């Protein structure tokens, strides 16, 4: 299955307090990785230093 960027419409409730931000710094990316590792995996699956190239490549 392939999900193209233009086909992806994230769900957000009208009265949601959710904030979407573009990750651009290593500090932001480390915060995102911490949330992903904790909430989705339960262990440190993703290493911020190794995958920061994703941020740099957009």
C-alpha atoms as a PDB file:
ATOM      1  CA  UNK A   1       0.000   0.000   0.000  1.00  0.00           C
ATOM      2  CA  UNK A   2       1.282   3.421  -0.903  1.00  0.00           C
ATOM      3  CA  UNK A   3       0.161   6.689   0.658  1.00  0.00           C
ATOM      4  CA  UNK A   4       1.112   9.681  -1.407  1.00  0.00           C
ATOM      5  CA  UNK A   5       1.749  12.956   0.375  1.00  0.00           C
ATOM      6  CA  UNK A   6      -1.032  14.734  -1.542  1.00  0.00           C
ATOM      7  CA  UNK A   7      -3.532  12.012  -0.543  1.00  0.00           C
ATOM      8  CA  UNK A   8      -2.827  12.299   3.178  1.00  0.00           C
ATOM      9  CA  UNK A   9      -5.315  14.423   5.100  1.00  0.00           C
ATOM     10  CA  UNK A  10      -4.607  14.271   8.833  1.00  0.00           C
ATOM     11  CA  UNK A  11      -7.652  14.105  11.070  1.00  0.00           C
ATOM     12  CA  UNK A  12      -8.051  16.971  13.518  1.00  0.00           C
ATOM     13  CA  UNK A  13     -11.156  17.672  15.585  1.00  0.00           C
ATOM     14  CA  UNK A  14     -12.568  21.181  15.293  1.00  0.00           C
ATOM     15  CA  UNK A  15     -12.068  22.005  18.965  1.00  0.00           C
ATOM     16  CA  UNK A  16      -8.783  20.161  19.273  1.00  0.00           C
ATOM     17  CA  UNK A  17      -5.869  21.590  21.238  1.00  0.00           C
ATOM     18  CA  UNK A  18      -3.501  19.734  18.923  1.00  0.00           C
ATOM     19  CA  UNK A  19      -0.767  21.833  17.331  1.00  0.00           C
ATOM     20  CA  UNK A  20       1.048  20.753  14.172  1.00  0.00           C
ATOM     21  CA  UNK A  21       4.585  22.044  13.800  1.00  0.00           C
ATOM     22  CA  UNK A  22       7.281  21.581  11.196  1.00  0.00           C
ATOM     23  CA  UNK A  23      10.335  19.972  12.748  1.00  0.00           C
ATOM     24  CA  UNK A  24      13.454  21.876  11.698  1.00  0.00           C
ATOM     25  CA  UNK A  25      16.037  21.605  14.477  1.00  0.00           C
ATOM     26  CA  UNK A  26      17.725  18.675  16.185  1.00  0.00           C
ATOM     27  CA  UNK A  27      16.080  19.736  19.465  1.00  0.00           C
ATOM     28  CA  UNK A  28      12.604  19.609  17.875  1.00  0.00           C
ATOM     29  CA  UNK A  29      13.399  16.274  16.267  1.00  0.00           C
ATOM     30  CA  UNK A  30      14.641  14.784  19.544  1.00  0.00           C
ATOM     31  CA  UNK A  31      11.326  15.792  21.160  1.00  0.00           C
ATOM     32  CA  UNK A  32       9.369  14.172  18.339  1.00  0.00           C
ATOM     33  CA  UNK A  33      11.480  11.001  18.531  1.00  0.00           C
ATOM     34  CA  UNK A  34      10.930  10.819  22.287  1.00  0.00           C
ATOM     35  CA  UNK A  35       7.145  10.958  21.796  1.00  0.00           C
ATOM     36  CA  UNK A  36       7.224   8.341  19.022  1.00  0.00           C
ATOM     37  CA  UNK A  37       9.472   6.005  20.976  1.00  0.00           C
ATOM     38  CA  UNK A  38       7.359   6.311  24.125  1.00  0.00           C
ATOM     39  CA  UNK A  39       3.845   6.342  22.661  1.00  0.00           C
ATOM     40  CA  UNK A  40       4.207   3.998  19.708  1.00  0.00           C
ATOM     41  CA  UNK A  41       7.045   1.644  20.491  1.00  0.00           C
ATOM     42  CA  UNK A  42       7.549   1.615  24.260  1.00  0.00           C
ATOM     43  CA  UNK A  43      11.315   1.543  23.790  1.00  0.00           C
ATOM     44  CA  UNK A  44      13.982   3.591  22.019  1.00  0.00           C
ATOM     45  CA  UNK A  45      13.479   2.256  18.509  1.00  0.00           C
ATOM     46  CA  UNK A  46      14.383   5.454  16.629  1.00  0.00           C
ATOM     47  CA  UNK A  47      17.667   7.246  17.254  1.00  0.00           C
ATOM     48  CA  UNK A  48      17.394  11.011  16.679  1.00  0.00           C
ATOM     49  CA  UNK A  49      21.035  11.491  15.689  1.00  0.00           C
ATOM     50  CA  UNK A  50      20.852   8.742  13.053  1.00  0.00           C
ATOM     51  CA  UNK A  51      17.520   9.814  11.497  1.00  0.00           C
ATOM     52  CA  UNK A  52      17.947  13.599  11.610  1.00  0.00           C
ATOM     53  CA  UNK A  53      18.760  13.423   7.888  1.00  0.00           C
ATOM     54  CA  UNK A  54      14.983  13.017   7.339  1.00  0.00           C
ATOM     55  CA  UNK A  55      14.527  16.543   8.678  1.00  0.00           C
ATOM     56  CA  UNK A  56      17.342  17.942   6.588  1.00  0.00           C
ATOM     57  CA  UNK A  57      15.953  16.377   3.405  1.00  0.00           C
ATOM     58  CA  UNK A  58      12.360  17.523   4.130  1.00  0.00           C
END
